[in-house]
Protein backbone atom coordinates (compact mmCIF):
# COMPACT_ATOMS: atom_id res chain seq x y z
CA MET A 1 83.65 32.68 -101.02
CA GLU A 2 85.53 29.24 -101.20
CA LYS A 3 88.60 31.41 -103.01
CA ILE A 4 89.01 33.49 -100.02
CA LYS A 5 91.18 31.85 -97.26
CA LEU A 6 91.14 34.04 -93.61
CA PHE A 7 93.83 34.04 -91.16
CA CYS A 8 92.56 35.25 -87.90
CA VAL A 9 94.97 36.43 -84.43
CA SER A 10 92.71 36.31 -81.22
CA LEU A 11 94.23 38.50 -78.67
CA GLY A 12 92.84 39.33 -75.30
CA CYS A 13 90.51 37.26 -72.63
CA ASP A 14 88.62 34.34 -73.04
CA LYS A 15 85.13 36.52 -73.66
CA ASN A 16 86.98 37.77 -76.66
CA LEU A 17 87.79 34.40 -78.43
CA VAL A 18 83.70 33.79 -78.09
CA ASP A 19 83.60 36.52 -80.39
CA THR A 20 86.28 35.73 -82.37
CA GLU A 21 84.79 31.69 -83.03
CA LYS A 22 81.60 33.93 -83.81
CA MET A 23 83.11 35.48 -86.44
CA LEU A 24 84.68 32.40 -87.86
CA GLY A 25 81.38 30.86 -87.70
CA ILE A 26 80.01 33.69 -89.65
CA ALA A 27 82.89 33.45 -92.66
CA GLY A 28 82.88 29.89 -92.54
CA GLY A 29 78.84 29.90 -93.24
CA LEU A 30 79.93 31.88 -96.66
CA GLY A 31 81.97 29.47 -97.64
CA VAL A 32 85.57 31.30 -96.31
CA SER A 33 88.30 28.70 -95.67
CA PHE A 34 90.68 28.98 -92.87
CA THR A 35 94.80 29.01 -93.20
CA ASP A 36 97.38 29.11 -90.10
CA ASP A 37 99.73 30.41 -92.56
CA GLU A 38 99.52 34.53 -93.04
CA THR A 39 101.73 34.30 -96.25
CA GLU A 40 98.74 32.43 -97.51
CA ALA A 41 96.01 34.19 -96.32
CA ASP A 42 93.67 36.49 -98.56
CA ALA A 43 92.22 38.15 -95.45
CA ILE A 44 94.07 38.62 -92.04
CA LEU A 45 91.21 39.40 -89.27
CA ILE A 46 92.68 40.90 -85.72
CA ASN A 47 90.43 40.97 -82.69
CA THR A 48 92.06 43.11 -80.58
CA CYS A 49 92.65 44.18 -76.77
CA CYS A 50 93.58 47.24 -75.00
CA PHE A 51 92.18 46.41 -71.77
CA ILE A 52 95.89 47.27 -70.14
CA GLY A 53 98.94 49.18 -71.64
CA ASP A 54 100.85 45.50 -72.66
CA ALA A 55 97.59 44.42 -74.17
CA LYS A 56 97.19 47.32 -76.37
CA GLU A 57 100.67 47.39 -77.24
CA GLU A 58 100.46 43.79 -78.32
CA SER A 59 97.56 44.68 -80.55
CA VAL A 60 99.07 47.64 -81.97
CA ASN A 61 102.44 45.27 -83.10
CA THR A 62 100.21 42.62 -84.47
CA ILE A 63 98.30 45.38 -86.90
CA LEU A 64 101.96 46.78 -88.10
CA ASP A 65 103.35 43.00 -88.36
CA MET A 66 99.86 41.61 -90.31
CA ALA A 67 99.90 44.90 -92.81
CA ARG A 68 103.41 43.67 -93.78
CA TYR A 69 101.44 40.78 -96.18
CA LYS A 70 99.27 43.24 -98.03
CA GLU A 71 102.79 43.96 -100.05
CA GLU A 72 104.78 40.63 -98.86
CA GLY A 73 102.48 38.07 -99.09
CA LYS A 74 98.57 37.62 -100.79
CA CYS A 75 96.73 39.79 -98.64
CA ARG A 76 93.80 41.86 -99.97
CA ALA A 77 92.23 42.82 -96.75
CA LEU A 78 93.52 43.28 -93.15
CA ILE A 79 90.12 43.50 -90.81
CA VAL A 80 90.47 44.87 -87.11
CA ALA A 81 87.74 44.42 -84.76
CA GLY A 82 87.50 43.74 -80.85
CA CYS A 83 88.54 46.89 -77.98
CA LEU A 84 91.57 48.37 -79.51
CA ALA A 85 89.26 48.99 -82.48
CA GLN A 86 86.22 50.30 -80.26
CA ARG A 87 88.62 52.70 -78.82
CA TYR A 88 91.08 53.93 -81.10
CA LYS A 89 88.91 53.91 -84.20
CA GLN A 90 90.34 56.92 -85.88
CA GLU A 91 93.60 56.85 -85.14
CA ILE A 92 93.89 53.12 -86.55
CA ILE A 93 92.09 54.66 -89.79
CA ASP A 94 94.64 58.01 -89.49
CA GLU A 95 97.68 56.19 -89.04
CA ILE A 96 97.30 52.73 -90.48
CA PRO A 97 96.43 52.83 -94.06
CA GLU A 98 96.69 48.99 -94.74
CA VAL A 99 93.61 48.53 -92.43
CA ASP A 100 90.47 47.96 -94.77
CA ALA A 101 87.63 48.14 -92.20
CA ILE A 102 87.41 47.94 -88.29
CA LEU A 103 84.63 46.41 -86.26
CA GLY A 104 83.57 47.40 -82.86
CA THR A 105 82.91 45.47 -79.75
CA THR A 106 79.53 45.07 -80.74
CA SER A 107 79.40 44.85 -84.17
CA TYR A 108 81.39 41.64 -84.85
CA GLU A 109 78.59 40.05 -86.48
CA GLU A 110 78.90 42.47 -89.30
CA ILE A 111 81.77 40.27 -90.32
CA GLY A 112 80.02 38.53 -93.35
CA ASN A 113 79.04 41.93 -94.54
CA VAL A 114 82.60 43.18 -94.66
CA LEU A 115 83.87 40.23 -96.01
CA THR A 116 81.10 40.71 -98.80
CA ARG A 117 82.06 44.23 -99.66
CA LEU A 118 85.45 43.17 -99.54
CA PHE A 119 85.47 40.85 -101.87
CA GLY A 120 82.40 40.61 -103.49
CA GLU A 121 79.92 37.07 -103.55
CA ASN A 122 82.42 34.91 -105.27
CA GLY A 123 85.28 36.10 -103.76
CA GLU A 124 86.10 38.76 -106.51
CA GLU A 125 87.78 41.74 -104.74
CA LYS A 126 85.51 45.00 -104.86
CA LYS A 127 86.80 48.51 -104.88
CA ALA A 128 85.42 49.31 -101.60
CA GLU A 129 86.49 52.78 -99.18
CA HIS A 130 87.38 52.00 -95.79
CA ILE A 131 84.61 50.15 -93.85
CA SER A 132 83.79 51.25 -90.13
CA CYS A 133 81.14 48.98 -88.14
CA PHE A 134 80.07 50.59 -84.88
CA HIS A 135 77.06 49.29 -83.33
CA ASP A 136 75.30 51.17 -80.03
CA LEU A 137 77.23 49.82 -76.90
CA LYS A 138 74.06 48.98 -75.84
CA GLU A 139 73.19 46.25 -78.11
CA LEU A 140 74.09 42.74 -77.69
CA PRO A 141 75.41 41.68 -80.84
CA THR A 142 72.57 39.15 -82.75
CA GLN A 143 73.59 34.99 -81.60
CA ALA A 144 75.97 33.76 -84.60
CA GLU A 145 74.21 30.31 -85.79
CA LYS A 146 77.83 28.88 -86.07
CA ARG A 147 80.81 29.00 -84.35
CA VAL A 148 84.70 27.52 -85.16
CA MET A 149 85.70 26.26 -81.80
CA THR A 150 89.46 27.03 -81.29
CA THR A 151 89.75 25.16 -77.80
CA GLY A 152 90.43 22.13 -79.09
CA GLY A 153 86.55 20.59 -78.83
CA HIS A 154 86.12 19.14 -75.29
CA TYR A 155 85.69 22.57 -73.68
CA ALA A 156 84.23 26.02 -74.42
CA PHE A 157 84.01 29.16 -73.10
CA LEU A 158 80.20 30.39 -72.72
CA LYS A 159 80.02 34.00 -72.31
CA ILE A 160 76.76 34.97 -70.67
CA ALA A 161 76.62 38.59 -70.31
CA GLU A 162 77.87 41.47 -71.93
CA GLY A 163 79.57 44.61 -70.78
CA CYS A 164 79.75 46.03 -67.01
CA ASP A 165 77.97 48.35 -64.88
CA LYS A 166 80.55 49.34 -61.88
CA ARG A 167 82.49 51.80 -63.54
CA CYS A 168 85.54 51.08 -61.22
CA THR A 169 87.96 53.92 -61.77
CA TYR A 170 91.18 51.66 -62.95
CA CYS A 171 88.98 49.92 -65.76
CA ILE A 172 87.81 50.94 -69.12
CA ILE A 173 85.69 48.09 -70.36
CA PRO A 174 82.26 49.58 -69.44
CA TYR A 175 83.55 52.42 -72.37
CA LEU A 176 84.90 49.64 -74.58
CA ARG A 177 82.06 47.10 -73.85
CA GLY A 178 78.88 49.26 -72.64
CA PRO A 179 76.39 48.48 -69.79
CA TYR A 180 75.82 45.01 -68.46
CA ARG A 181 73.58 42.99 -70.56
CA SER A 182 72.45 39.49 -69.99
CA VAL A 183 72.35 36.80 -72.59
CA PRO A 184 68.51 35.08 -72.47
CA MET A 185 68.94 32.04 -70.87
CA GLU A 186 66.97 30.45 -73.85
CA GLN A 187 69.49 31.43 -76.06
CA LEU A 188 72.39 30.13 -73.83
CA LEU A 189 70.83 27.18 -73.15
CA ALA A 190 70.15 26.32 -76.99
CA GLU A 191 73.80 27.44 -77.48
CA ALA A 192 75.09 25.21 -74.72
CA ARG A 193 73.04 22.19 -75.85
CA GLU A 194 74.93 22.75 -79.29
CA LEU A 195 78.11 22.82 -77.93
CA ALA A 196 77.16 19.44 -76.22
CA ASP A 197 75.91 17.87 -79.55
CA ASN A 198 79.56 18.44 -81.00
CA GLY A 199 81.54 17.05 -78.57
CA VAL A 200 82.11 19.80 -75.71
CA ARG A 201 82.03 18.41 -72.18
CA GLU A 202 82.91 20.88 -69.93
CA LEU A 203 81.44 24.92 -70.40
CA ILE A 204 83.21 27.51 -68.88
CA LEU A 205 81.33 30.56 -67.98
CA VAL A 206 82.55 34.05 -68.61
CA ALA A 207 81.15 37.78 -68.26
CA GLN A 208 83.02 40.71 -67.13
CA GLU A 209 80.53 39.90 -64.49
CA THR A 210 79.22 36.50 -63.88
CA THR A 211 77.49 36.97 -60.89
CA LEU A 212 75.64 39.62 -61.76
CA TYR A 213 73.88 37.47 -64.59
CA GLY A 214 70.14 37.95 -65.14
CA LYS A 215 69.75 41.17 -62.99
CA ASP A 216 68.63 43.17 -65.84
CA LEU A 217 66.16 40.80 -67.90
CA TYR A 218 64.92 38.92 -64.76
CA GLY A 219 65.01 41.52 -62.10
CA GLU A 220 67.08 39.51 -60.01
CA LYS A 221 70.65 37.26 -59.89
CA SER A 222 70.04 34.53 -61.98
CA LEU A 223 73.30 32.70 -62.08
CA PRO A 224 72.03 29.79 -59.90
CA LYS A 225 68.98 29.13 -61.97
CA LEU A 226 71.33 28.92 -65.36
CA LEU A 227 73.77 26.64 -63.20
CA HIS A 228 70.57 24.33 -62.67
CA GLU A 229 69.29 24.29 -66.21
CA LEU A 230 72.89 23.89 -67.62
CA ALA A 231 73.48 20.50 -65.30
CA GLN A 232 70.45 19.33 -66.98
CA ILE A 233 71.59 19.24 -70.36
CA PRO A 234 72.94 15.72 -71.44
CA GLY A 235 76.65 15.10 -72.34
CA ILE A 236 77.76 18.39 -70.50
CA TYR A 237 80.03 16.78 -67.21
CA TRP A 238 81.79 20.11 -65.86
CA ILE A 239 80.93 23.30 -65.39
CA ARG A 240 83.31 26.20 -64.36
CA ILE A 241 82.36 29.80 -63.32
CA GLN A 242 85.12 32.86 -64.05
CA TYR A 243 84.90 36.11 -63.00
CA CYS A 244 82.95 36.02 -59.87
CA TYR A 245 82.60 39.53 -58.24
CA PRO A 246 83.09 38.67 -53.86
CA GLU A 247 80.73 40.96 -53.00
CA GLU A 248 77.65 39.78 -55.20
CA ILE A 249 78.21 36.22 -54.26
CA THR A 250 74.76 34.93 -52.90
CA ASP A 251 73.66 32.43 -49.85
CA GLU A 252 71.56 30.85 -53.17
CA LEU A 253 74.92 30.71 -55.53
CA ILE A 254 77.04 28.75 -53.17
CA GLN A 255 74.31 26.41 -52.35
CA ALA A 256 73.53 25.89 -56.41
CA ILE A 257 77.49 25.19 -56.41
CA LYS A 258 77.17 23.05 -53.69
CA SER A 259 73.96 20.80 -54.89
CA GLU A 260 75.12 20.73 -58.76
CA GLU A 261 77.57 18.01 -59.01
CA LYS A 262 78.46 18.90 -62.27
CA VAL A 263 79.25 22.82 -60.96
CA CYS A 264 83.25 22.37 -60.30
CA HIS A 265 84.14 24.03 -56.82
CA HIS A 266 86.27 26.85 -58.13
CA LEU A 267 85.89 30.45 -58.94
CA ASP A 268 87.94 32.41 -60.42
CA ILE A 269 87.76 35.67 -58.46
CA PRO A 270 88.88 38.93 -60.55
């Protein structure tokens, strides 16, 4: 697919950015190249957000803006992924006919198959009906082999879990991202080592709620253990923790933050 140039817009939170970087990694593995000029793009990918009203409006406006390039630019395929796609699949299909493919929050790994269906193995456009890819919200997407870093290379976000079980009355995330699912620790450590080998020096741990990490897999909150393991990785000098719910912070977590020199004395509390 060396002939295909992809332009990407990532909206919303850092967790969404991780999904975007993994989609770019999958696309790059097919030989797709990237461009920062939407007028030159053969395909445009928008990873959307709809957490609050302003985010939803921004996502819709971005889709409409990018849809223009199917007439004004080289764009032959417009792909919408992420939270807005998960929530408003049918509305997007019905009201924005320029959109060629929609991917839900747990199906971003399908981006390679989508591109192949739209363009063929050699970048020659195939005739395809509208493509919709939506996996069960209880699934964890398959780990992408590579990520395309968009943060400058010296720091990276490490998504340690997906979804949430709290179902706060003001929050739609469980309905868009599914129940809480921790990423297995060995998978996270392998990803962190690869990031370190590629020059990343600071890891920022993200999830809808980091403090509950591991409870679904290991029967107990395992963020302290994960911090101890990550701190052993050569090349990683700083580890930050985001999205810590105060009621889930334990003495063990506080002790891990205190004892591990690489863990910054900083908590991002939602």
